[in-house]
């Protein structure tokens, strides 16, 4: 089973290149839910997911909804009566990949029918479903079911309708209320240590390059009680880390207990559930990253001192064209403020090369900002125009592809050098590592992540297992991975208060 990563498209010249640990090797891997033994209604569904962590969380909800209606989960499409692909519409190449998979499933459906075997119902879910429903249904005739991100509760009805009528069934209605707050997700067959928890849906930011507001709808936050309940269930089930998800978690806000609860308070409340539960979040928009949130990082030892803070570009004029609502100077002030409040905080970011109208001088500002901030990790993209976005309607995608590639290459080269330098600075330090499993290269080694989201590989000591915390001394590194020596087993609580450890 492939591990889950924050990835959304194919590895090509427009794909994100990541300096984050392990991400590049997983960049083109779909994710599938674990098979289940039971299928009370006699039908099995195979769910294949492409895209970001939000899509992974959505597929877990779909599995829950269909499981409640008696569907079993198939391990492969060959064992399935229903195949559902949960899609991403962020990049063109992601759509090409999904379209290819749908064509394969359609051929399999035709072959089954010709052989007198059981039919195969094909469905497409998520962002691409909402945006390309006409093409997928009428023009290319690839699917039987289309369900947008807010229509998953209707999937049992859509499947029943398609079976009864032989006609395609569609629901791409975008809701202003749906948060799936009452559902318990069926967790992916992941490492059993880390889980995703969705705290909100949609987005109101309307960045010029982004299609998400058109495919996922308006922003709405999930109730505090349901979030805390899900996190508590994960603790009870033995999970040691949660990543709370939203298109912009920093804008989370609900009325609860007679007053407004913002993201900083939500994170604080989650941190009270267990002294052994690490907490991460994604994604954080710079315009809403508050000092209160930074103080939660400082005060609560279980809130990881790592923030994914997408800058997108280093030039203020380009940021204006991108409709990012902050300047270069404001972003750099936020970085400085964060490091003053949380001195050892680590940052990752998203960077786009070759946005509409980008000049050599504007590109140089991105390089200089990277040199000033010195990110630990980065996801780096060449700009790819998406239909219906503000940029597609108002700007010309006028930077030649060769120039985009050259600028992206410069960005990648710089970030790889910085990542290596930052990792070398950790040599000699002792880091608390949450063990996620064995190394991909050897069963004699373990791998896990530090508080700052750095991957560490170290020789496997007797008695240490997946889900344990270990104190590891860093002895060597590459640009993506730290190598270390096991010092001792620990708990998160003891690591946070070493003088109290026995």
Protein backbone atom coordinates (compact mmCIF):
# COMPACT_ATOMS: atom_id res chain seq x y z
CA UNK A 1 0.00 0.00 0.00
CA UNK A 2 1.37 3.38 -0.93
CA UNK A 3 1.76 5.87 1.91
CA UNK A 4 -0.21 9.09 1.74
CA UNK A 5 1.55 12.25 0.65
CA UNK A 6 0.56 15.83 0.00
CA UNK A 7 0.77 15.53 -3.75
CA UNK A 8 -1.55 16.33 -6.57
CA UNK A 9 -0.13 15.81 -10.03
CA UNK A 10 2.13 13.93 -12.39
CA UNK A 11 5.88 14.35 -12.40
CA UNK A 12 6.46 16.44 -15.50
CA UNK A 13 7.73 19.90 -16.36
CA UNK A 14 4.71 21.56 -14.77
CA UNK A 15 4.59 19.30 -11.72
CA UNK A 16 5.52 20.39 -8.23
CA UNK A 17 9.04 19.42 -7.32
CA UNK A 18 9.36 18.88 -3.61
CA UNK A 19 12.28 19.13 -1.24
CA UNK A 20 10.08 17.64 1.51
CA UNK A 21 11.11 14.23 2.87
CA UNK A 22 9.96 11.28 0.74
CA UNK A 23 7.56 13.39 -1.31
CA UNK A 24 9.24 13.14 -4.66
CA UNK A 25 9.23 9.34 -4.71
CA UNK A 26 5.47 9.33 -4.05
CA UNK A 27 4.48 12.19 -6.32
CA UNK A 28 2.71 10.09 -8.93
CA UNK A 29 1.13 7.49 -6.69
CA UNK A 30 -2.63 7.12 -6.32
CA UNK A 31 -3.96 6.19 -2.90
CA UNK A 32 -6.53 3.45 -2.22
CA UNK A 33 -8.50 2.51 0.86
CA UNK A 34 -7.91 -0.84 2.52
CA UNK A 35 -10.13 -3.75 1.46
CA UNK A 36 -12.84 -4.87 3.86
CA UNK A 37 -13.93 -8.45 4.43
CA UNK A 38 -17.66 -7.80 4.51
CA UNK A 39 -20.00 -6.55 1.78
CA UNK A 40 -23.52 -6.82 3.27
CA UNK A 41 -25.28 -5.63 0.11
CA UNK A 42 -23.17 -7.91 -2.09
CA UNK A 43 -21.35 -5.08 -3.86
CA UNK A 44 -17.77 -3.87 -3.54
CA UNK A 45 -16.37 -0.45 -4.35
CA UNK A 46 -12.80 0.40 -5.30
CA UNK A 47 -11.82 3.99 -4.44
CA UNK A 48 -8.72 5.48 -6.03
CA UNK A 49 -7.59 8.94 -4.92
CA UNK A 50 -5.43 11.53 -6.63
CA UNK A 51 -4.53 14.86 -5.14
CA UNK A 52 -3.98 16.68 -1.92
CA UNK A 53 -4.62 15.61 1.65
CA UNK A 54 -8.13 17.07 1.43
CA UNK A 55 -8.93 14.54 -1.30
CA UNK A 56 -7.58 11.73 0.87
CA UNK A 57 -9.82 12.87 3.74
CA UNK A 58 -12.79 13.06 1.35
CA UNK A 59 -12.24 9.48 0.17
CA UNK A 60 -12.27 8.36 3.79
CA UNK A 61 -15.70 10.01 4.09
CA UNK A 62 -16.94 8.30 0.91
CA UNK A 63 -15.82 4.93 2.27
CA UNK A 64 -17.75 5.67 5.47
CA UNK A 65 -20.92 6.67 3.62
CA UNK A 66 -20.91 3.66 1.31
CA UNK A 67 -19.92 1.30 4.11
CA UNK A 68 -23.00 2.45 5.99
CA UNK A 69 -25.09 1.36 3.00
CA UNK A 70 -23.58 -2.13 2.94
CA UNK A 71 -20.84 -1.71 0.35
CA UNK A 72 -17.59 -3.55 0.89
CA UNK A 73 -14.23 -2.09 -0.06
CA UNK A 74 -12.37 -3.85 -2.88
CA UNK A 75 -8.58 -4.12 -2.95
CA UNK A 76 -8.40 -3.72 -6.75
CA UNK A 77 -10.66 -2.68 -9.61
CA UNK A 78 -10.79 -6.31 -10.77
CA UNK A 79 -12.67 -7.26 -7.59
CA UNK A 80 -15.04 -4.28 -7.71
CA UNK A 81 -18.61 -3.74 -8.83
CA UNK A 82 -18.09 0.03 -8.54
CA UNK A 83 -14.94 2.04 -9.28
CA UNK A 84 -14.72 5.60 -7.99
CA UNK A 85 -11.86 7.99 -8.76
CA UNK A 86 -11.51 10.97 -6.45
CA UNK A 87 -9.86 13.65 -8.53
CA UNK A 88 -7.83 16.82 -8.49
CA UNK A 89 -8.38 19.74 -10.88
CA UNK A 90 -5.45 21.87 -9.75
CA UNK A 91 -3.21 21.00 -12.69
CA UNK A 92 -3.84 19.96 -16.29
CA UNK A 93 -1.63 16.88 -16.13
CA UNK A 94 -3.58 15.55 -13.17
CA UNK A 95 -6.70 15.63 -15.32
CA UNK A 96 -4.88 13.84 -18.15
CA UNK A 97 -3.85 11.05 -15.78
CA UNK A 98 -7.37 10.63 -14.42
CA UNK A 99 -8.88 10.64 -17.90
CA UNK A 100 -6.51 7.85 -18.87
CA UNK A 101 -7.56 5.79 -15.86
CA UNK A 102 -11.24 6.34 -16.68
CA UNK A 103 -10.65 5.15 -20.24
CA UNK A 104 -9.05 1.99 -18.88
CA UNK A 105 -11.99 1.33 -16.58
CA UNK A 106 -14.42 1.96 -19.44
CA UNK A 107 -12.61 -0.63 -21.57
CA UNK A 108 -12.81 -3.07 -18.66
CA UNK A 109 -16.55 -2.39 -18.38
CA UNK A 110 -17.06 -3.10 -22.09
CA UNK A 111 -15.04 -6.32 -21.84
CA UNK A 112 -17.09 -7.51 -18.86
CA UNK A 113 -20.40 -6.88 -20.61
CA UNK A 114 -19.21 -8.64 -23.77
CA UNK A 115 -18.26 -11.68 -21.68
CA UNK A 116 -21.58 -11.72 -19.84
CA UNK A 117 -19.90 -10.87 -16.54
CA UNK A 118 -21.07 -8.47 -13.84
CA UNK A 119 -21.24 -4.83 -14.89
CA UNK A 120 -18.78 -2.23 -13.65
CA UNK A 121 -20.16 1.14 -12.54
CA UNK A 122 -17.65 3.96 -13.01
CA UNK A 123 -17.78 7.21 -11.06
CA UNK A 124 -15.69 10.32 -10.78
CA UNK A 125 -15.71 12.39 -7.59
CA UNK A 126 -14.29 15.65 -6.34
CA UNK A 127 -12.90 18.75 -7.96
CA UNK A 128 -12.48 17.43 -11.49
CA UNK A 129 -15.97 15.95 -11.40
CA UNK A 130 -17.53 19.31 -10.65
CA UNK A 131 -15.56 21.15 -13.33
CA UNK A 132 -15.61 18.60 -16.19
CA UNK A 133 -18.96 16.88 -15.77
CA UNK A 134 -20.15 17.75 -19.31
CA UNK A 135 -17.01 16.42 -20.99
CA UNK A 136 -16.87 13.28 -18.89
CA UNK A 137 -20.54 12.45 -19.35
CA UNK A 138 -21.67 13.69 -22.75
CA UNK A 139 -18.54 14.17 -24.85
CA UNK A 140 -16.21 11.40 -23.72
CA UNK A 141 -18.85 9.10 -22.16
CA UNK A 142 -16.38 7.77 -19.64
CA UNK A 143 -18.47 7.64 -16.46
CA UNK A 144 -21.81 6.57 -15.01
CA UNK A 145 -21.66 8.65 -11.83
CA UNK A 146 -20.49 12.23 -11.20
CA UNK A 147 -20.44 13.60 -7.65
CA UNK A 148 -18.95 16.89 -6.55
CA UNK A 149 -17.18 17.45 -3.20
CA UNK A 150 -20.41 18.39 -1.40
CA UNK A 151 -22.54 15.53 -2.82
CA UNK A 152 -20.98 12.46 -1.24
CA UNK A 153 -23.99 11.74 0.97
CA UNK A 154 -25.99 11.32 -2.23
CA UNK A 155 -23.71 8.61 -3.64
CA UNK A 156 -25.93 5.66 -2.60
CA UNK A 157 -28.86 7.30 -4.41
CA UNK A 158 -26.75 8.07 -7.46
CA UNK A 159 -25.52 4.49 -7.67
CA UNK A 160 -29.04 3.11 -7.28
CA UNK A 161 -30.34 5.45 -9.97
CA UNK A 162 -27.60 4.52 -12.43
CA UNK A 163 -28.29 0.81 -11.84
CA UNK A 164 -32.06 1.13 -12.23
CA UNK A 165 -32.19 3.43 -15.27
CA UNK A 166 -28.94 2.70 -17.07
CA UNK A 167 -28.50 6.47 -17.30
CA UNK A 168 -25.73 8.59 -15.85
CA UNK A 169 -26.47 10.10 -12.43
CA UNK A 170 -25.08 13.49 -11.42
CA UNK A 171 -24.91 15.71 -8.36
CA UNK A 172 -22.40 18.54 -8.37
CA UNK A 173 -24.32 20.95 -6.18
CA UNK A 174 -22.04 23.08 -4.00
CA UNK A 175 -23.32 23.61 -0.48
CA UNK A 176 -22.88 26.49 1.94
CA UNK A 177 -23.50 24.22 4.95
CA UNK A 178 -22.08 20.73 4.30
CA UNK A 179 -19.07 19.84 6.48
CA UNK A 180 -19.71 16.08 6.96
CA UNK A 181 -19.31 16.81 10.66
CA UNK A 182 -21.31 13.79 11.84
CA UNK A 183 -19.39 11.17 9.85
CA UNK A 184 -16.60 8.94 11.12
CA UNK A 185 -14.11 8.45 8.27
CA UNK A 186 -12.86 5.01 7.26
CA UNK A 187 -9.12 5.49 7.63
CA UNK A 188 -6.78 4.72 4.78
CA UNK A 189 -4.48 1.73 5.10
CA UNK A 190 -1.67 4.05 6.07
CA UNK A 191 0.94 3.68 8.78
CA UNK A 192 -1.68 3.55 11.54
CA UNK A 193 0.21 6.32 13.31
CA UNK A 194 -0.84 9.53 11.52
CA UNK A 195 -4.30 10.63 10.41
CA UNK A 196 -5.95 13.57 8.66
CA UNK A 197 -8.86 15.47 10.21
CA UNK A 198 -10.80 17.92 8.06
CA UNK A 199 -11.87 21.04 9.98
CA UNK A 200 -13.38 23.10 7.17
CA UNK A 201 -14.34 23.02 3.52
CA UNK A 202 -14.20 25.41 0.59
CA UNK A 203 -12.27 28.63 0.17
CA UNK A 204 -13.10 32.34 -0.08
CA UNK A 205 -9.65 33.65 -1.02
CA UNK A 206 -10.03 33.66 -4.83
CA UNK A 207 -6.32 33.63 -5.66
CA UNK A 208 -5.90 34.39 -9.35
CA UNK A 209 -4.29 31.06 -10.24
CA UNK A 210 -6.49 28.74 -8.17
CA UNK A 211 -9.58 26.80 -9.24
CA UNK A 212 -10.48 25.55 -5.74
CA UNK A 213 -13.18 28.16 -4.93
CA UNK A 214 -15.00 27.10 -8.11
CA UNK A 215 -14.74 23.36 -7.45
CA UNK A 216 -15.08 23.22 -3.65
CA UNK A 217 -17.36 26.17 -3.01
CA UNK A 218 -17.50 28.76 -0.28
CA UNK A 219 -15.65 28.48 2.99
CA UNK A 220 -17.41 26.93 6.00
CA UNK A 221 -16.02 25.63 9.26
CA UNK A 222 -16.85 22.37 10.99
CA UNK A 223 -18.21 22.45 14.59
CA UNK A 224 -15.60 22.32 17.34
CA UNK A 225 -17.24 19.42 19.17
CA UNK A 226 -17.16 17.13 16.14
CA UNK A 227 -13.48 17.89 15.50
CA UNK A 228 -12.53 17.23 19.11
CA UNK A 229 -14.59 14.03 19.12
CA UNK A 230 -12.84 12.70 16.01
CA UNK A 231 -9.41 13.54 17.39
CA UNK A 232 -10.28 11.86 20.69
CA UNK A 233 -11.36 8.73 18.81
CA UNK A 234 -8.02 8.69 17.02
CA UNK A 235 -6.17 8.92 20.33
CA UNK A 236 -8.25 6.03 21.65
CA UNK A 237 -7.40 4.02 18.52
CA UNK A 238 -3.69 4.52 19.11
CA UNK A 239 -2.87 7.25 16.61
CA UNK A 240 0.01 9.50 17.64
CA UNK A 241 -0.32 12.35 15.15
CA UNK A 242 -3.13 14.29 13.48
CA UNK A 243 -2.90 16.79 10.67
CA UNK A 244 -5.91 19.10 10.63
CA UNK A 245 -6.88 20.15 7.13
CA UNK A 246 -8.49 23.08 5.36
CA UNK A 247 -7.86 25.16 2.27
CA UNK A 248 -6.96 27.93 4.72
CA UNK A 249 -7.03 26.64 8.29
CA UNK A 250 -6.09 30.06 9.65
CA UNK A 251 -9.50 31.41 8.70
CA UNK A 252 -11.33 28.75 10.73
CA UNK A 253 -14.00 30.37 12.89
CA UNK A 254 -17.22 29.12 14.50
CA UNK A 255 -19.48 30.20 17.32
CA UNK A 256 -19.23 27.78 20.23
CA UNK A 257 -19.75 27.97 23.96
CA UNK A 258 -21.14 31.47 23.59
CA UNK A 259 -18.14 32.96 21.83
CA UNK A 260 -16.18 32.77 18.58
CA UNK A 261 -13.56 30.02 18.36
CA UNK A 262 -10.73 30.77 15.96
CA UNK A 263 -8.01 28.44 14.70
CA UNK A 264 -5.56 29.26 17.48
CA UNK A 265 -8.13 28.29 20.12
CA UNK A 266 -9.16 25.17 18.19
CA UNK A 267 -5.55 24.02 18.02
CA UNK A 268 -5.14 24.73 21.75
CA UNK A 269 -8.22 22.63 22.55
CA UNK A 270 -6.97 19.72 20.43
CA UNK A 271 -3.63 19.89 22.23
CA UNK A 272 -5.39 19.24 25.56
CA UNK A 273 -6.70 15.84 24.43
CA UNK A 274 -3.48 13.91 25.00
CA UNK A 275 0.14 14.68 25.94
CA UNK A 276 1.21 12.03 23.39
CA UNK A 277 -0.64 13.37 20.30
CA UNK A 278 1.40 15.46 17.90
CA UNK A 279 -0.59 18.06 15.98
CA UNK A 280 0.15 19.48 12.53
CA UNK A 281 -1.97 21.50 10.10
CA UNK A 282 -2.24 22.45 6.45
CA UNK A 283 -2.62 24.82 4.70
CA UNK A 284 -1.90 28.17 6.32
CA UNK A 285 -2.51 31.43 4.42
CA UNK A 286 -0.04 34.18 5.41
CA UNK A 287 -2.76 36.84 5.64
CA UNK A 288 -4.41 35.02 8.57
CA UNK A 289 -1.40 33.68 10.49
CA UNK A 290 -1.88 35.37 13.86
CA UNK A 291 0.43 35.99 16.80
CA UNK A 292 -2.06 34.06 18.92
CA UNK A 293 -1.46 31.00 16.74
CA UNK A 294 2.30 31.42 17.03
CA UNK A 295 2.01 31.57 20.82
CA UNK A 296 0.09 28.27 20.76
CA UNK A 297 3.10 26.78 18.98
CA UNK A 298 5.34 28.15 21.70
CA UNK A 299 3.20 27.18 24.68
CA UNK A 300 1.87 23.75 23.69
CA UNK A 301 4.60 21.10 23.25
CA UNK A 302 2.37 18.79 21.21
CA UNK A 303 1.77 21.42 18.50
CA UNK A 304 4.61 20.84 16.06
CA UNK A 305 6.91 23.77 15.41
CA UNK A 306 6.46 23.54 11.67
CA UNK A 307 4.29 25.68 9.38
CA UNK A 308 3.55 25.22 5.70
CA UNK A 309 3.27 28.90 4.72
CA UNK A 310 2.87 29.29 0.95
CA UNK A 311 4.45 32.49 -0.36
CA UNK A 312 3.88 31.68 -4.07
CA UNK A 313 6.19 34.50 -5.21
CA UNK A 314 8.78 36.95 -3.93
CA UNK A 315 7.69 40.08 -5.78
CA UNK A 316 4.93 42.36 -4.49
CA UNK A 317 3.59 43.25 -7.94
CA UNK A 318 3.30 39.59 -8.88
CA UNK A 319 1.60 38.87 -5.55
CA UNK A 320 -0.92 41.59 -6.42
CA UNK A 321 -1.56 39.95 -9.79
CA UNK A 322 -1.97 36.65 -7.96
CA UNK A 323 -4.47 38.34 -5.57
CA UNK A 324 -2.59 37.07 -2.55
CA UNK A 325 -3.50 40.12 -0.38
CA UNK A 326 -0.06 40.56 1.22
CA UNK A 327 3.19 42.14 0.09
CA UNK A 328 6.71 40.74 0.09
CA UNK A 329 7.52 42.95 3.06
CA UNK A 330 4.49 41.79 5.05
CA UNK A 331 5.37 38.15 4.43
CA UNK A 332 8.97 38.65 5.55
CA UNK A 333 7.77 40.50 8.66
CA UNK A 334 5.56 37.49 9.48
CA UNK A 335 8.54 35.14 9.12
CA UNK A 336 10.63 37.33 11.43
CA UNK A 337 7.81 37.57 13.97
CA UNK A 338 7.29 33.80 13.93
CA UNK A 339 10.98 33.15 14.54
CA UNK A 340 11.02 35.65 17.37
CA UNK A 341 8.08 33.94 19.10
CA UNK A 342 9.08 30.35 18.21
CA UNK A 343 12.87 30.42 17.69
CA UNK A 344 13.27 26.88 16.31
CA UNK A 345 10.26 26.91 14.00
CA UNK A 346 10.63 25.29 10.57
CA UNK A 347 8.93 26.46 7.38
CA UNK A 348 7.91 24.93 4.09
CA UNK A 349 6.30 26.81 1.22
CA UNK A 350 4.81 26.74 -2.28
CA UNK A 351 6.52 28.70 -5.07
CA UNK A 352 5.26 29.30 -8.61
CA UNK A 353 7.70 30.08 -11.43
CA UNK A 354 6.59 31.85 -14.59
CA UNK A 355 3.27 33.38 -13.53
CA UNK A 356 1.60 35.67 -16.04
CA UNK A 357 3.80 38.65 -16.97
CA UNK A 358 6.70 37.59 -14.75
CA UNK A 359 9.89 39.45 -15.66
CA UNK A 360 13.50 38.50 -14.98
CA UNK A 361 13.61 41.09 -12.20
CA UNK A 362 10.43 39.74 -10.59
CA UNK A 363 11.82 36.21 -10.73
CA UNK A 364 15.00 37.49 -9.09
CA UNK A 365 12.86 38.71 -6.18
CA UNK A 366 11.65 35.14 -5.62
CA UNK A 367 15.26 33.95 -5.51
CA UNK A 368 16.24 36.67 -3.05
CA UNK A 369 13.23 35.94 -0.82
CA UNK A 370 14.17 32.25 -0.73
CA UNK A 371 17.72 33.19 0.20
CA UNK A 372 16.43 35.41 2.99
CA UNK A 373 13.84 33.01 4.46
CA UNK A 374 15.81 29.77 3.90
CA UNK A 375 12.94 27.30 3.90
CA UNK A 376 13.40 23.80 5.24
CA UNK A 377 11.25 22.33 2.46
CA UNK A 378 9.41 23.66 -0.60
CA UNK A 379 6.93 22.58 -3.25
CA UNK A 380 7.99 24.27 -6.49
CA UNK A 381 5.83 24.65 -9.59
CA UNK A 382 5.91 26.03 -13.09
CA UNK A 383 2.71 28.01 -13.66
CA UNK A 384 -0.04 26.15 -15.50
CA UNK A 385 -3.20 28.04 -16.45
CA UNK A 386 -6.46 26.59 -15.15
CA UNK A 387 -9.80 27.35 -16.83
CA UNK A 388 -12.28 29.62 -15.06
CA UNK A 389 -9.68 31.20 -12.80
CA UNK A 390 -9.19 34.96 -12.57
CA UNK A 391 -5.79 34.61 -14.26
CA UNK A 392 -7.30 32.69 -17.19
CA UNK A 393 -9.94 35.39 -17.68
CA UNK A 394 -7.83 38.49 -17.10
CA UNK A 395 -4.19 37.69 -17.93
CA UNK A 396 -2.15 36.17 -20.70
CA UNK A 397 -0.06 33.08 -19.95
CA UNK A 398 2.81 34.82 -21.73
CA UNK A 399 5.98 33.44 -20.16
CA UNK A 400 7.52 30.96 -22.64
CA UNK A 401 7.72 27.36 -21.44
CA UNK A 402 11.49 27.33 -21.85
CA UNK A 403 11.76 30.36 -19.58
CA UNK A 404 9.42 28.78 -17.01
CA UNK A 405 11.57 25.65 -16.97
CA UNK A 406 14.79 27.62 -16.58
CA UNK A 407 13.40 29.71 -13.72
CA UNK A 408 11.95 26.65 -12.01
CA UNK A 409 15.31 24.90 -12.34
CA UNK A 410 17.04 27.84 -10.63
CA UNK A 411 14.48 27.74 -7.81
CA UNK A 412 14.91 23.97 -7.37
CA UNK A 413 18.71 24.18 -7.36
CA UNK A 414 18.66 26.88 -4.70
CA UNK A 415 16.14 25.09 -2.49
CA UNK A 416 18.03 21.80 -2.65
CA UNK A 417 21.19 23.58 -1.53
CA UNK A 418 19.36 25.35 1.31
CA UNK A 419 17.65 22.13 2.43
CA UNK A 420 21.04 20.41 2.60
CA UNK A 421 22.53 23.30 4.55
CA UNK A 422 19.60 23.36 7.00
CA UNK A 423 19.87 19.60 7.51
CA UNK A 424 23.62 19.82 8.14
CA UNK A 425 22.92 22.32 10.89
CA UNK A 426 20.98 19.57 12.68
CA UNK A 427 23.94 17.20 12.82
CA UNK A 428 24.81 16.65 16.50
CA UNK A 429 21.33 17.54 17.71
CA UNK A 430 19.07 15.11 19.52
CA UNK A 431 15.62 14.96 17.96
CA UNK A 432 12.39 13.35 19.13
CA UNK A 433 11.24 11.07 16.30
CA UNK A 434 7.80 9.51 15.91
CA UNK A 435 8.46 6.09 14.34
CA UNK A 436 6.32 5.54 11.23
CA UNK A 437 7.76 2.18 10.19
CA UNK A 438 10.81 0.54 8.69
CA UNK A 439 13.08 2.26 6.21
CA UNK A 440 12.27 1.70 2.55
CA UNK A 441 15.81 0.42 2.02
CA UNK A 442 16.21 -1.93 4.96
CA UNK A 443 14.06 -3.65 7.57
CA UNK A 444 17.00 -3.20 9.92
CA UNK A 445 16.38 0.54 10.02
CA UNK A 446 13.43 2.62 11.21
CA UNK A 447 12.15 5.90 9.83
CA UNK A 448 10.11 8.67 11.36
CA UNK A 449 9.65 12.43 11.52
CA UNK A 450 10.84 15.06 13.88
CA UNK A 451 8.68 17.80 15.34
CA UNK A 452 9.94 20.02 12.49
CA UNK A 453 8.80 17.47 9.86
CA UNK A 454 12.28 16.24 8.95
CA UNK A 455 12.51 12.56 8.00
CA UNK A 456 15.05 10.59 10.07
CA UNK A 457 16.42 7.10 9.37
CA UNK A 458 18.26 5.18 12.11
CA UNK A 459 19.31 1.62 12.97
CA UNK A 460 16.51 -0.39 14.52
CA UNK A 461 16.96 -1.14 18.24
CA UNK A 462 15.28 -4.09 19.91
CA UNK A 463 11.82 -3.38 21.27
CA UNK A 464 11.12 -0.13 19.39
CA UNK A 465 8.03 -0.26 17.18
CA UNK A 466 5.87 1.81 14.87
CA UNK A 467 4.06 4.48 16.86
CA UNK A 468 6.78 4.80 19.51
CA UNK A 469 8.73 7.97 20.19
CA UNK A 470 12.52 7.79 20.13
CA UNK A 471 15.32 10.17 20.99
CA UNK A 472 17.75 10.09 18.05
CA UNK A 473 21.07 11.88 17.61
CA UNK A 474 21.57 13.18 14.07
CA UNK A 475 24.89 12.03 12.62
CA UNK A 476 24.59 12.67 8.87
CA UNK A 477 22.17 13.91 6.23
CA UNK A 478 21.21 14.40 2.62
CA UNK A 479 19.09 17.29 1.34
CA UNK A 480 15.91 15.29 2.04
CA UNK A 481 16.75 12.95 4.94
CA UNK A 482 18.51 12.99 8.29
CA UNK A 483 20.47 9.93 9.45
CA UNK A 484 20.88 9.26 13.13
CA UNK A 485 21.78 7.00 16.02
CA UNK A 486 19.19 5.74 18.48
CA UNK A 487 19.69 7.16 21.98
CA UNK A 488 16.66 6.02 23.95
CA UNK A 489 12.94 5.38 23.85
CA UNK A 490 10.89 8.26 25.21
CA UNK A 491 7.41 9.70 25.41
CA UNK A 492 6.36 13.05 24.06
CA UNK A 493 5.56 14.23 27.56
CA UNK A 494 8.96 13.18 28.94
CA UNK A 495 10.73 14.78 25.96
CA UNK A 496 8.89 18.04 26.62
CA UNK A 497 9.79 17.93 30.33
CA UNK A 498 13.08 15.99 30.53
CA UNK A 499 13.68 16.84 34.19
CA UNK A 500 10.45 15.02 35.08
CA UNK A 501 11.44 11.81 33.26
CA UNK A 502 12.35 8.86 35.45
